[in-house]
Amino acid sequence: MNKLLKLEETAQLLLAVFLFYQLDYAWWIFPACILLPDVSMIGYLINTKTGAFTYNFFHHKFVAIGVLILGYWLNNQMVIFSGLILFGHASMDRIFGYGLKYTDNFKNTHLGWIGKNND
């Protein structure tokens, strides 16, 4: 099942890349911005509850799809691009096993514990 989920996330990342190439941006903009949603980890400087909230907000696919739909509705390429970055980044994270965070520990995600020591 794990391989099937990673394949699904890979397809979603490729969809984000495909939709990006429909926009009028240079090719290098997507890879240059794909890690920007990780700035949301700054919430962990306050505490794990705030960190989990900010991280999950910017890594939730429903938020990404909402931003994407808003961009198409407004016919605004920058908003569309933002939605695609959020969506593509969330898919990329899940390919590598990084899921939405629980409030007790950064390594505790909806996909399981991150790291070698899964105790």
PDB file of N, CA and C in Angstrom:
ATOM      1  N   MET A   1       0.819  -1.194   0.000  1.00  0.00           N
ATOM      2  CA  MET A   1       0.000   0.000   0.000  1.00  0.00           C
ATOM      3  C   MET A   1       0.861   1.255   0.000  1.00  0.00           C
ATOM      4  N   ASN A   2       2.002   1.222   0.705  1.00  0.00           N
ATOM      5  CA  ASN A   2       2.882   2.383   0.772  1.00  0.00           C
ATOM      6  C   ASN A   2       3.356   2.796  -0.621  1.00  0.00           C
ATOM      7  N   LYS A   3       3.702   1.820  -1.463  1.00  0.00           N
ATOM      8  CA  LYS A   3       4.154   2.129  -2.819  1.00  0.00           C
ATOM      9  C   LYS A   3       3.028   2.742  -3.644  1.00  0.00           C
ATOM     10  N   LEU A   4       1.810   2.260  -3.437  1.00  0.00           N
ATOM     11  CA  LEU A   4       0.665   2.802  -4.153  1.00  0.00           C
ATOM     12  C   LEU A   4       0.397   4.254  -3.755  1.00  0.00           C
ATOM     13  N   LEU A   5       0.517   4.553  -2.468  1.00  0.00           N
ATOM     14  CA  LEU A   5       0.328   5.930  -1.997  1.00  0.00           C
ATOM     15  C   LEU A   5       1.415   6.853  -2.552  1.00  0.00           C
ATOM     16  N   LYS A   6       2.647   6.376  -2.593  1.00  0.00           N
ATOM     17  CA  LYS A   6       3.735   7.187  -3.147  1.00  0.00           C
ATOM     18  C   LYS A   6       3.538   7.415  -4.642  1.00  0.00           C
ATOM     19  N   LEU A   7       3.025   6.410  -5.338  1.00  0.00           N
ATOM     20  CA  LEU A   7       2.727   6.560  -6.766  1.00  0.00           C
ATOM     21  C   LEU A   7       1.629   7.606  -6.975  1.00  0.00           C
ATOM     22  N   GLU A   8       0.622   7.592  -6.118  1.00  0.00           N
ATOM     23  CA  GLU A   8      -0.458   8.571  -6.210  1.00  0.00           C
ATOM     24  C   GLU A   8       0.071   9.988  -5.961  1.00  0.00           C
ATOM     25  N   GLU A   9       0.923  10.142  -4.959  1.00  0.00           N
ATOM     26  CA  GLU A   9       1.501  11.453  -4.659  1.00  0.00           C
ATOM     27  C   GLU A   9       2.414  11.915  -5.791  1.00  0.00           C
ATOM     28  N   THR A  10       3.139  10.990  -6.397  1.00  0.00           N
ATOM     29  CA  THR A  10       3.988  11.330  -7.536  1.00  0.00           C
ATOM     30  C   THR A  10       3.144  11.833  -8.698  1.00  0.00           C
ATOM     31  N   ALA A  11       2.025  11.179  -8.949  1.00  0.00           N
ATOM     32  CA  ALA A  11       1.117  11.624 -10.014  1.00  0.00           C
ATOM     33  C   ALA A  11       0.580  13.022  -9.715  1.00  0.00           C
ATOM     34  N   GLN A  12       0.293  13.314  -8.463  1.00  0.00           N
ATOM     35  CA  GLN A  12      -0.208  14.642  -8.101  1.00  0.00           C
ATOM     36  C   GLN A  12       0.883  15.700  -8.256  1.00  0.00           C
ATOM     37  N   LEU A  13       2.107  15.364  -7.913  1.00  0.00           N
ATOM     38  CA  LEU A  13       3.221  16.293  -8.123  1.00  0.00           C
ATOM     39  C   LEU A  13       3.403  16.560  -9.615  1.00  0.00           C
ATOM     40  N   LEU A  14       3.328  15.521 -10.415  1.00  0.00           N
ATOM     41  CA  LEU A  14       3.455  15.691 -11.869  1.00  0.00           C
ATOM     42  C   LEU A  14       2.302  16.518 -12.433  1.00  0.00           C
ATOM     43  N   LEU A  15       1.109  16.376 -11.864  1.00  0.00           N
ATOM     44  CA  LEU A  15      -0.023  17.205 -12.273  1.00  0.00           C
ATOM     45  C   LEU A  15       0.266  18.677 -11.981  1.00  0.00           C
ATOM     46  N   ALA A  16       0.814  18.955 -10.813  1.00  0.00           N
ATOM     47  CA  ALA A  16       1.159  20.335 -10.467  1.00  0.00           C
ATOM     48  C   ALA A  16       2.190  20.896 -11.442  1.00  0.00           C
ATOM     49  N   VAL A  17       3.186  20.092 -11.800  1.00  0.00           N
ATOM     50  CA  VAL A  17       4.207  20.531 -12.759  1.00  0.00           C
ATOM     51  C   VAL A  17       3.561  20.775 -14.124  1.00  0.00           C
ATOM     52  N   PHE A  18       2.696  19.872 -14.548  1.00  0.00           N
ATOM     53  CA  PHE A  18       2.014  20.027 -15.835  1.00  0.00           C
ATOM     54  C   PHE A  18       1.179  21.306 -15.865  1.00  0.00           C
ATOM     55  N   LEU A  19       0.408  21.549 -14.817  1.00  0.00           N
ATOM     56  CA  LEU A  19      -0.411  22.756 -14.762  1.00  0.00           C
ATOM     57  C   LEU A  19       0.445  24.009 -14.701  1.00  0.00           C
ATOM     58  N   PHE A  20       1.596  23.921 -14.020  1.00  0.00           N
ATOM     59  CA  PHE A  20       2.513  25.063 -13.978  1.00  0.00           C
ATOM     60  C   PHE A  20       2.971  25.430 -15.384  1.00  0.00           C
ATOM     61  N   TYR A  21       3.291  24.435 -16.195  1.00  0.00           N
ATOM     62  CA  TYR A  21       3.794  24.714 -17.533  1.00  0.00           C
ATOM     63  C   TYR A  21       2.730  25.312 -18.440  1.00  0.00           C
ATOM     64  N   GLN A  22       1.483  25.344 -18.005  1.00  0.00           N
ATOM     65  CA  GLN A  22       0.422  26.024 -18.745  1.00  0.00           C
ATOM     66  C   GLN A  22       0.436  27.528 -18.454  1.00  0.00           C
ATOM     67  N   LEU A  23       1.159  27.915 -17.410  1.00  0.00           N
ATOM     68  CA  LEU A  23       1.261  29.326 -17.041  1.00  0.00           C
ATOM     69  C   LEU A  23       2.403  29.983 -17.803  1.00  0.00           C
ATOM     70  N   ASP A  24       2.445  31.291 -17.749  1.00  0.00           N
ATOM     71  CA  ASP A  24       3.454  32.046 -18.486  1.00  0.00           C
ATOM     72  C   ASP A  24       4.611  32.431 -17.564  1.00  0.00           C
ATOM     73  N   TYR A  25       5.327  31.416 -17.057  1.00  0.00           N
ATOM     74  CA  TYR A  25       6.482  31.636 -16.195  1.00  0.00           C
ATOM     75  C   TYR A  25       7.674  30.863 -16.753  1.00  0.00           C
ATOM     76  N   ALA A  26       8.874  31.324 -16.426  1.00  0.00           N
ATOM     77  CA  ALA A  26      10.087  30.599 -16.807  1.00  0.00           C
ATOM     78  C   ALA A  26      10.103  29.245 -16.088  1.00  0.00           C
ATOM     79  N   TRP A  27      10.679  28.236 -16.705  1.00  0.00           N
ATOM     80  CA  TRP A  27      10.670  26.866 -16.172  1.00  0.00           C
ATOM     81  C   TRP A  27      11.291  26.776 -14.791  1.00  0.00           C
ATOM     82  N   TRP A  28      12.299  27.594 -14.500  1.00  0.00           N
ATOM     83  CA  TRP A  28      13.057  27.472 -13.258  1.00  0.00           C
ATOM     84  C   TRP A  28      12.313  28.035 -12.047  1.00  0.00           C
ATOM     85  N   ILE A  29      11.228  28.745 -12.273  1.00  0.00           N
ATOM     86  CA  ILE A  29      10.480  29.334 -11.161  1.00  0.00           C
ATOM     87  C   ILE A  29       9.880  28.241 -10.263  1.00  0.00           C
ATOM     88  N   PHE A  30       9.347  27.186 -10.864  1.00  0.00           N
ATOM     89  CA  PHE A  30       8.740  26.110 -10.069  1.00  0.00           C
ATOM     90  C   PHE A  30       9.750  25.451  -9.140  1.00  0.00           C
ATOM     91  N   PRO A  31      10.878  24.942  -9.645  1.00  0.00           N
ATOM     92  CA  PRO A  31      11.837  24.330  -8.713  1.00  0.00           C
ATOM     93  C   PRO A  31      12.426  25.330  -7.720  1.00  0.00           C
ATOM     94  N   ALA A  32      12.519  26.597  -8.114  1.00  0.00           N
ATOM     95  CA  ALA A  32      13.061  27.604  -7.203  1.00  0.00           C
ATOM     96  C   ALA A  32      12.126  27.872  -6.027  1.00  0.00           C
ATOM     97  N   CYS A  33      10.825  27.659  -6.238  1.00  0.00           N
ATOM     98  CA  CYS A  33       9.831  27.995  -5.207  1.00  0.00           C
ATOM     99  C   CYS A  33       9.227  26.783  -4.499  1.00  0.00           C
ATOM    100  N   ILE A  34       9.556  25.585  -4.930  1.00  0.00           N
ATOM    101  CA  ILE A  34       8.878  24.392  -4.419  1.00  0.00           C
ATOM    102  C   ILE A  34       9.076  24.188  -2.911  1.00  0.00           C
ATOM    103  N   LEU A  35      10.133  24.681  -2.343  1.00  0.00           N
ATOM    104  CA  LEU A  35      10.365  24.506  -0.906  1.00  0.00           C
ATOM    105  C   LEU A  35       9.844  25.664  -0.058  1.00  0.00           C
ATOM    106  N   LEU A  36       9.288  26.690  -0.665  1.00  0.00           N
ATOM    107  CA  LEU A  36       8.809  27.853   0.088  1.00  0.00           C
ATOM    108  C   LEU A  36       7.772  27.520   1.168  1.00  0.00           C
ATOM    109  N   PRO A  37       6.859  26.572   0.952  1.00  0.00           N
ATOM    110  CA  PRO A  37       5.897  26.273   2.027  1.00  0.00           C
ATOM    111  C   PRO A  37       6.547  25.812   3.333  1.00  0.00           C
ATOM    112  N   ASP A  38       7.792  25.363   3.275  1.00  0.00           N
ATOM    113  CA  ASP A  38       8.464  24.935   4.502  1.00  0.00           C
ATOM    114  C   ASP A  38       8.811  26.098   5.426  1.00  0.00           C
ATOM    115  N   VAL A  39       8.696  27.323   4.937  1.00  0.00           N
ATOM    116  CA  VAL A  39       8.872  28.494   5.807  1.00  0.00           C
ATOM    117  C   VAL A  39       7.846  28.434   6.942  1.00  0.00           C
ATOM    118  N   SER A  40       6.740  27.743   6.719  1.00  0.00           N
ATOM    119  CA  SER A  40       5.691  27.620   7.745  1.00  0.00           C
ATOM    120  C   SER A  40       6.181  26.907   9.002  1.00  0.00           C
ATOM    121  N   MET A  41       7.322  26.245   8.937  1.00  0.00           N
ATOM    122  CA  MET A  41       7.872  25.596  10.132  1.00  0.00           C
ATOM    123  C   MET A  41       8.334  26.606  11.174  1.00  0.00           C
ATOM    124  N   ILE A  42       8.344  27.867  10.811  1.00  0.00           N
ATOM    125  CA  ILE A  42       8.761  28.906  11.748  1.00  0.00           C
ATOM    126  C   ILE A  42       7.874  28.921  12.991  1.00  0.00           C
ATOM    127  N   GLY A  43       6.647  28.429  12.856  1.00  0.00           N
ATOM    128  CA  GLY A  43       5.746  28.341  14.006  1.00  0.00           C
ATOM    129  C   GLY A  43       6.289  27.475  15.122  1.00  0.00           C
ATOM    130  N   TYR A  44       7.172  26.550  14.795  1.00  0.00           N
ATOM    131  CA  TYR A  44       7.772  25.687  15.816  1.00  0.00           C
ATOM    132  C   TYR A  44       8.711  26.469  16.736  1.00  0.00           C
ATOM    133  N   LEU A  45       9.096  27.673  16.351  1.00  0.00           N
ATOM    134  CA  LEU A  45       9.901  28.509  17.240  1.00  0.00           C
ATOM    135  C   LEU A  45       9.078  28.977  18.439  1.00  0.00           C
ATOM    136  N   ILE A  46       7.747  29.002  18.275  1.00  0.00           N
ATOM    137  CA  ILE A  46       6.868  29.393  19.377  1.00  0.00           C
ATOM    138  C   ILE A  46       6.597  28.180  20.269  1.00  0.00           C
ATOM    139  N   ASN A  47       5.993  27.146  19.685  1.00  0.00           N
ATOM    140  CA  ASN A  47       5.766  25.877  20.391  1.00  0.00           C
ATOM    141  C   ASN A  47       5.260  24.855  19.379  1.00  0.00           C
ATOM    142  N   THR A  48       5.107  23.610  19.808  1.00  0.00           N
ATOM    143  CA  THR A  48       4.707  22.554  18.870  1.00  0.00           C
ATOM    144  C   THR A  48       3.267  22.717  18.399  1.00  0.00           C
ATOM    145  N   LYS A  49       2.404  23.262  19.230  1.00  0.00           N
ATOM    146  CA  LYS A  49       1.002  23.450  18.816  1.00  0.00           C
ATOM    147  C   LYS A  49       0.905  24.493  17.699  1.00  0.00           C
ATOM    148  N   THR A  50       1.569  25.619  17.879  1.00  0.00           N
ATOM    149  CA  THR A  50       1.576  26.666  16.855  1.00  0.00           C
ATOM    150  C   THR A  50       2.291  26.171  15.605  1.00  0.00           C
ATOM    151  N   GLY A  51       3.397  25.484  15.792  1.00  0.00           N
ATOM    152  CA  GLY A  51       4.147  24.943  14.662  1.00  0.00           C
ATOM    153  C   GLY A  51       3.335  23.962  13.847  1.00  0.00           C
ATOM    154  N   ALA A  52       2.626  23.067  14.530  1.00  0.00           N
ATOM    155  CA  ALA A  52       1.790  22.097  13.824  1.00  0.00           C
ATOM    156  C   ALA A  52       0.685  22.809  13.050  1.00  0.00           C
ATOM    157  N   PHE A  53       0.088  23.839  13.661  1.00  0.00           N
ATOM    158  CA  PHE A  53      -0.981  24.570  12.977  1.00  0.00           C
ATOM    159  C   PHE A  53      -0.466  25.252  11.717  1.00  0.00           C
ATOM    160  N   THR A  54       0.640  26.005  11.832  1.00  0.00           N
ATOM    161  CA  THR A  54       1.143  26.728  10.660  1.00  0.00           C
ATOM    162  C   THR A  54       1.646  25.764   9.591  1.00  0.00           C
ATOM    163  N   TYR A  55       2.337  24.711  10.025  1.00  0.00           N
ATOM    164  CA  TYR A  55       2.830  23.719   9.069  1.00  0.00           C
ATOM    165  C   TYR A  55       1.660  23.054   8.346  1.00  0.00           C
ATOM    166  N   ASN A  56       0.668  22.584   9.100  1.00  0.00           N
ATOM    167  CA  ASN A  56      -0.460  21.883   8.500  1.00  0.00           C
ATOM    168  C   ASN A  56      -1.275  22.777   7.582  1.00  0.00           C
ATOM    169  N   PHE A  57      -1.415  24.052   7.943  1.00  0.00           N
ATOM    170  CA  PHE A  57      -2.179  24.960   7.102  1.00  0.00           C
ATOM    171  C   PHE A  57      -1.551  25.069   5.716  1.00  0.00           C
ATOM    172  N   PHE A  58      -0.239  25.239   5.666  1.00  0.00           N
ATOM    173  CA  PHE A  58       0.442  25.413   4.382  1.00  0.00           C
ATOM    174  C   PHE A  58       0.775  24.098   3.677  1.00  0.00           C
ATOM    175  N   HIS A  59       0.488  22.972   4.316  1.00  0.00           N
ATOM    176  CA  HIS A  59       0.741  21.667   3.709  1.00  0.00           C
ATOM    177  C   HIS A  59      -0.544  20.871   3.493  1.00  0.00           C
ATOM    178  N   HIS A  60      -1.678  21.490   3.720  1.00  0.00           N
ATOM    179  CA  HIS A  60      -2.961  20.810   3.547  1.00  0.00           C
ATOM    180  C   HIS A  60      -3.420  20.967   2.104  1.00  0.00           C
ATOM    181  N   LYS A  61      -3.733  19.872   1.468  1.00  0.00           N
ATOM    182  CA  LYS A  61      -4.096  19.921   0.053  1.00  0.00           C
ATOM    183  C   LYS A  61      -5.418  20.641  -0.191  1.00  0.00           C
ATOM    184  N   PHE A  62      -6.325  20.626   0.777  1.00  0.00           N
ATOM    185  CA  PHE A  62      -7.580  21.352   0.608  1.00  0.00           C
ATOM    186  C   PHE A  62      -7.306  22.856   0.507  1.00  0.00           C
ATOM    187  N   VAL A  63      -6.392  23.354   1.306  1.00  0.00           N
ATOM    188  CA  VAL A  63      -6.001  24.771   1.227  1.00  0.00           C
ATOM    189  C   VAL A  63      -5.381  25.047  -0.141  1.00  0.00           C
ATOM    190  N   ALA A  64      -4.495  24.168  -0.579  1.00  0.00           N
ATOM    191  CA  ALA A  64      -3.835  24.344  -1.878  1.00  0.00           C
ATOM    192  C   ALA A  64      -4.856  24.364  -3.014  1.00  0.00           C
ATOM    193  N   ILE A  65      -5.795  23.445  -2.981  1.00  0.00           N
ATOM    194  CA  ILE A  65      -6.820  23.391  -4.028  1.00  0.00           C
ATOM    195  C   ILE A  65      -7.711  24.627  -3.957  1.00  0.00           C
ATOM    196  N   GLY A  66      -8.013  25.089  -2.744  1.00  0.00           N
ATOM    197  CA  GLY A  66      -8.803  26.310  -2.589  1.00  0.00           C
ATOM    198  C   GLY A  66      -8.104  27.519  -3.192  1.00  0.00           C
ATOM    199  N   VAL A  67      -6.811  27.644  -2.945  1.00  0.00           N
ATOM    200  CA  VAL A  67      -6.029  28.740  -3.518  1.00  0.00           C
ATOM    201  C   VAL A  67      -5.994  28.616  -5.040  1.00  0.00           C
ATOM    202  N   LEU A  68      -5.823  27.408  -5.524  1.00  0.00           N
ATOM    203  CA  LEU A  68      -5.789  27.157  -6.965  1.00  0.00           C
ATOM    204  C   LEU A  68      -7.113  27.535  -7.623  1.00  0.00           C
ATOM    205  N   ILE A  69      -8.218  27.118  -7.041  1.00  0.00           N
ATOM    206  CA  ILE A  69      -9.545  27.454  -7.577  1.00  0.00           C
ATOM    207  C   ILE A  69      -9.759  28.968  -7.535  1.00  0.00           C
ATOM    208  N   LEU A  70      -9.377  29.595  -6.430  1.00  0.00           N
ATOM    209  CA  LEU A  70      -9.499  31.047  -6.328  1.00  0.00           C
ATOM    210  C   LEU A  70      -8.702  31.730  -7.436  1.00  0.00           C
ATOM    211  N   GLY A  71      -7.509  31.234  -7.715  1.00  0.00           N
ATOM    212  CA  GLY A  71      -6.683  31.799  -8.775  1.00  0.00           C
ATOM    213  C   GLY A  71      -7.339  31.693 -10.137  1.00  0.00           C
ATOM    214  N   TYR A  72      -7.944  30.536 -10.422  1.00  0.00           N
ATOM    215  CA  TYR A  72      -8.637  30.384 -11.699  1.00  0.00           C
ATOM    216  C   TYR A  72      -9.879  31.278 -11.749  1.00  0.00           C
ATOM    217  N   TRP A  73     -10.582  31.383 -10.631  1.00  0.00           N
ATOM    218  CA  TRP A  73     -11.782  32.209 -10.572  1.00  0.00           C
ATOM    219  C   TRP A  73     -11.443  33.684 -10.791  1.00  0.00           C
ATOM    220  N   LEU A  74     -10.331  34.126 -10.186  1.00  0.00           N
ATOM    221  CA  LEU A  74      -9.896  35.515 -10.342  1.00  0.00           C
ATOM    222  C   LEU A  74      -9.104  35.738 -11.632  1.00  0.00           C
ATOM    223  N   ASN A  75      -8.784  34.655 -12.312  1.00  0.00           N
ATOM    224  CA  ASN A  75      -7.935  34.705 -13.503  1.00  0.00           C
ATOM    225  C   ASN A  75      -6.606  35.395 -13.180  1.00  0.00           C
ATOM    226  N   ASN A  76      -5.995  34.950 -12.074  1.00  0.00           N
ATOM    227  CA  ASN A  76      -4.770  35.546 -11.569  1.00  0.00           C
ATOM    228  C   ASN A  76      -3.678  34.480 -11.546  1.00  0.00           C
ATOM    229  N   GLN A  77      -2.692  34.620 -12.430  1.00  0.00           N
ATOM    230  CA  GLN A  77      -1.650  33.598 -12.548  1.00  0.00           C
ATOM    231  C   GLN A  77      -0.793  33.466 -11.293  1.00  0.00           C
ATOM    232  N   MET A  78      -0.601  34.543 -10.554  1.00  0.00           N
ATOM    233  CA  MET A  78       0.208  34.471  -9.328  1.00  0.00           C
ATOM    234  C   MET A  78      -0.501  33.636  -8.262  1.00  0.00           C
ATOM    235  N   VAL A  79      -1.800  33.787  -8.150  1.00  0.00           N
ATOM    236  CA  VAL A  79      -2.568  32.994  -7.180  1.00  0.00           C
ATOM    237  C   VAL A  79      -2.617  31.534  -7.632  1.00  0.00           C
ATOM    238  N   ILE A  80      -2.800  31.315  -8.930  1.00  0.00           N
ATOM    239  CA  ILE A  80      -2.765  29.945  -9.467  1.00  0.00           C
ATOM    240  C   ILE A  80      -1.409  29.314  -9.152  1.00  0.00           C
ATOM    241  N   PHE A  81      -0.350  30.053  -9.416  1.00  0.00           N
ATOM    242  CA  PHE A  81       0.995  29.559  -9.144  1.00  0.00           C
ATOM    243  C   PHE A  81       1.170  29.214  -7.667  1.00  0.00           C
ATOM    244  N   SER A  82       0.669  30.070  -6.794  1.00  0.00           N
ATOM    245  CA  SER A  82       0.768  29.811  -5.349  1.00  0.00           C
ATOM    246  C   SER A  82       0.062  28.514  -4.989  1.00  0.00           C
ATOM    247  N   GLY A  83      -1.126  28.297  -5.527  1.00  0.00           N
ATOM    248  CA  GLY A  83      -1.858  27.055  -5.280  1.00  0.00           C
ATOM    249  C   GLY A  83      -1.109  25.835  -5.793  1.00  0.00           C
ATOM    250  N   LEU A  84      -0.493  25.974  -6.963  1.00  0.00           N
ATOM    251  CA  LEU A  84       0.272  24.852  -7.528  1.00  0.00           C
ATOM    252  C   LEU A  84       1.506  24.542  -6.700  1.00  0.00           C
ATOM    253  N   ILE A  85       2.166  25.570  -6.188  1.00  0.00           N
ATOM    254  CA  ILE A  85       3.335  25.345  -5.327  1.00  0.00           C
ATOM    255  C   ILE A  85       2.893  24.641  -4.044  1.00  0.00           C
ATOM    256  N   LEU A  86       1.803  25.115  -3.437  1.00  0.00           N
ATOM    257  CA  LEU A  86       1.310  24.471  -2.208  1.00  0.00           C
ATOM    258  C   LEU A  86       0.943  23.012  -2.468  1.00  0.00           C
ATOM    259  N   PHE A  87       0.227  22.772  -3.556  1.00  0.00           N
ATOM    260  CA  PHE A  87      -0.212  21.413  -3.889  1.00  0.00           C
ATOM    261  C   PHE A  87       0.978  20.509  -4.230  1.00  0.00           C
ATOM    262  N   GLY A  88       1.861  21.011  -5.085  1.00  0.00           N
ATOM    263  CA  GLY A  88       3.030  20.220  -5.482  1.00  0.00           C
ATOM    264  C   GLY A  88       3.949  19.929  -4.311  1.00  0.00           C
ATOM    265  N   HIS A  89       4.137  20.919  -3.448  1.00  0.00           N
ATOM    266  CA  HIS A  89       5.002  20.724  -2.284  1.00  0.00           C
ATOM    267  C   HIS A  89       4.411  19.692  -1.326  1.00  0.00           C
ATOM    268  N   ALA A  90       3.108  19.777  -1.069  1.00  0.00           N
ATOM    269  CA  ALA A  90       2.466  18.804  -0.176  1.00  0.00           C
ATOM    270  C   ALA A  90       2.604  17.391  -0.743  1.00  0.00           C
ATOM    271  N   SER A  91       2.448  17.253  -2.046  1.00  0.00           N
ATOM    272  CA  SER A  91       2.614  15.936  -2.675  1.00  0.00           C
ATOM    273  C   SER A  91       4.053  15.455  -2.558  1.00  0.00           C
ATOM    274  N   MET A  92       5.000  16.352  -2.800  1.00  0.00           N
ATOM    275  CA  MET A  92       6.413  15.990  -2.701  1.00  0.00           C
ATOM    276  C   MET A  92       6.760  15.550  -1.283  1.00  0.00           C
ATOM    277  N   ASP A  93       6.285  16.290  -0.296  1.00  0.00           N
ATOM    278  CA  ASP A  93       6.533  15.907   1.096  1.00  0.00           C
ATOM    279  C   ASP A  93       6.012  14.511   1.395  1.00  0.00           C
ATOM    280  N   ARG A  94       4.824  14.219   0.931  1.00  0.00           N
ATOM    281  CA  ARG A  94       4.222  12.909   1.217  1.00  0.00           C
ATOM    282  C   ARG A  94       4.946  11.781   0.495  1.00  0.00           C
ATOM    283  N   ILE A  95       5.543  12.065  -0.653  1.00  0.00           N
ATOM    284  CA  ILE A  95       6.367  11.059  -1.331  1.00  0.00           C
ATOM    285  C   ILE A  95       7.503  10.625  -0.416  1.00  0.00           C
ATOM    286  N   PHE A  96       8.064  11.580   0.318  1.00  0.00           N
ATOM    287  CA  PHE A  96       9.199  11.305   1.203  1.00  0.00           C
ATOM    288  C   PHE A  96       8.778  10.942   2.624  1.00  0.00           C
ATOM    289  N   GLY A  97       7.477  10.805   2.853  1.00  0.00           N
ATOM    290  CA  GLY A  97       6.995  10.344   4.151  1.00  0.00           C
ATOM    291  C   GLY A  97       6.692  11.428   5.165  1.00  0.00           C
ATOM    292  N   TYR A  98       6.712  12.682   4.737  1.00  0.00           N
ATOM    293  CA  TYR A  98       6.398  13.779   5.650  1.00  0.00           C
ATOM    294  C   TYR A  98       4.916  14.099   5.545  1.00  0.00           C
ATOM    295  N   GLY A  99       4.203  13.857   6.622  1.00  0.00           N
ATOM    296  CA  GLY A  99       2.768  14.103   6.617  1.00  0.00           C
ATOM    297  C   GLY A  99       2.401  15.312   7.451  1.00  0.00           C
ATOM    298  N   LEU A 100       1.105  15.498   7.606  1.00  0.00           N
ATOM    299  CA  LEU A 100       0.603  16.567   8.466  1.00  0.00           C
ATOM    300  C   LEU A 100       0.983  16.254   9.903  1.00  0.00           C
ATOM    301  N   LYS A 101       1.282  17.286  10.670  1.00  0.00           N
ATOM    302  CA  LYS A 101       1.859  17.114  12.004  1.00  0.00           C
ATOM    303  C   LYS A 101       0.804  17.067  13.111  1.00  0.00           C
ATOM    304  N   TYR A 102       1.079  16.239  14.104  1.00  0.00           N
ATOM    305  CA  TYR A 102       0.330  16.272  15.357  1.00  0.00           C
ATOM    306  C   TYR A 102       1.003  17.290  16.271  1.00  0.00           C
ATOM    307  N   THR A 103       0.270  17.740  17.274  1.00  0.00           N
ATOM    308  CA  THR A 103       0.774  18.830  18.114  1.00  0.00           C
ATOM    309  C   THR A 103       1.801  18.396  19.154  1.00  0.00           C
ATOM    310  N   ASP A 104       1.980  17.107  19.364  1.00  0.00           N
ATOM    311  CA  ASP A 104       2.896  16.666  20.428  1.00  0.00           C
ATOM    312  C   ASP A 104       4.363  16.664  20.023  1.00  0.00           C
ATOM    313  N   ASN A 105       4.640  16.438  18.708  1.00  0.00           N
ATOM    314  CA  ASN A 105       6.017  16.287  18.280  1.00  0.00           C
ATOM    315  C   ASN A 105       6.090  16.499  16.770  1.00  0.00           C
ATOM    316  N   PHE A 106       7.097  17.214  16.301  1.00  0.00           N
ATOM    317  CA  PHE A 106       7.267  17.467  14.865  1.00  0.00           C
ATOM    318  C   PHE A 106       7.346  16.167  14.069  1.00  0.00           C
ATOM    319  N   LYS A 107       7.940  15.143  14.658  1.00  0.00           N
ATOM    320  CA  LYS A 107       8.134  13.880  13.949  1.00  0.00           C
ATOM    321  C   LYS A 107       6.895  12.995  13.927  1.00  0.00           C
ATOM    322  N   ASN A 108       5.849  13.363  14.648  1.00  0.00           N
ATOM    323  CA  ASN A 108       4.616  12.579  14.689  1.00  0.00           C
ATOM    324  C   ASN A 108       3.665  13.112  13.624  1.00  0.00           C
ATOM    325  N   THR A 109       3.463  12.327  12.548  1.00  0.00           N
ATOM    326  CA  THR A 109       2.638  12.776  11.430  1.00  0.00           C
ATOM    327  C   THR A 109       1.500  11.798  11.162  1.00  0.00           C
ATOM    328  N   HIS A 110       0.589  12.224  10.318  1.00  0.00           N
ATOM    329  CA  HIS A 110      -0.530  11.351   9.961  1.00  0.00           C
ATOM    330  C   HIS A 110      -0.073  10.144   9.134  1.00  0.00           C
ATOM    331  N   LEU A 111       1.154  10.165   8.670  1.00  0.00           N
ATOM    332  CA  LEU A 111       1.718   9.028   7.943  1.00  0.00           C
ATOM    333  C   LEU A 111       2.589   8.155   8.835  1.00  0.00           C
ATOM    334  N   GLY A 112       2.691   8.513  10.100  1.00  0.00           N
ATOM    335  CA  GLY A 112       3.540   7.788  11.042  1.00  0.00           C
ATOM    336  C   GLY A 112       4.690   8.657  11.492  1.00  0.00           C
ATOM    337  N   TRP A 113       5.575   8.066  12.277  1.00  0.00           N
ATOM    338  CA  TRP A 113       6.719   8.800  12.820  1.00  0.00           C
ATOM    339  C   TRP A 113       7.800   8.943  11.766  1.00  0.00           C
ATOM    340  N   ILE A 114       8.427  10.110  11.732  1.00  0.00           N
ATOM    341  CA  ILE A 114       9.526  10.389  10.804  1.00  0.00           C
ATOM    342  C   ILE A 114      10.834  10.000  11.460  1.00  0.00           C
ATOM    343  N   GLY A 115      11.725   9.409  10.691  1.00  0.00           N
ATOM    344  CA  GLY A 115      13.056   9.120  11.203  1.00  0.00           C
ATOM    345  C   GLY A 115      13.305   7.648  11.451  1.00  0.00           C
ATOM    346  N   LYS A 116      14.535   7.349  11.823  1.00  0.00           N
ATOM    347  CA  LYS A 116      14.940   5.965  12.040  1.00  0.00           C
ATOM    348  C   LYS A 116      14.404   5.389  13.331  1.00  0.00           C
ATOM    349  N   ASN A 117      14.348   6.199  14.387  1.00  0.00           N
ATOM    350  CA  ASN A 117      13.800   5.726  15.654  1.00  0.00           C
ATOM    351  C   ASN A 117      12.314   6.045  15.703  1.00  0.00           C
ATOM    352  N   ASN A 118      11.506   5.088  15.402  1.00  0.00           N
ATOM    353  CA  ASN A 118      10.066   5.294  15.368  1.00  0.00           C
ATOM    354  C   ASN A 118       9.409   4.901  16.665  1.00  0.00           C
ATOM    355  N   ASP A 119      10.124   5.053  17.778  1.00  0.00           N
ATOM    356  CA  ASP A 119       9.585   4.678  19.097  1.00  0.00           C
ATOM    357  C   ASP A 119       8.652   5.727  19.629  1.00  0.00           C
TER     358      ASP A 119
END
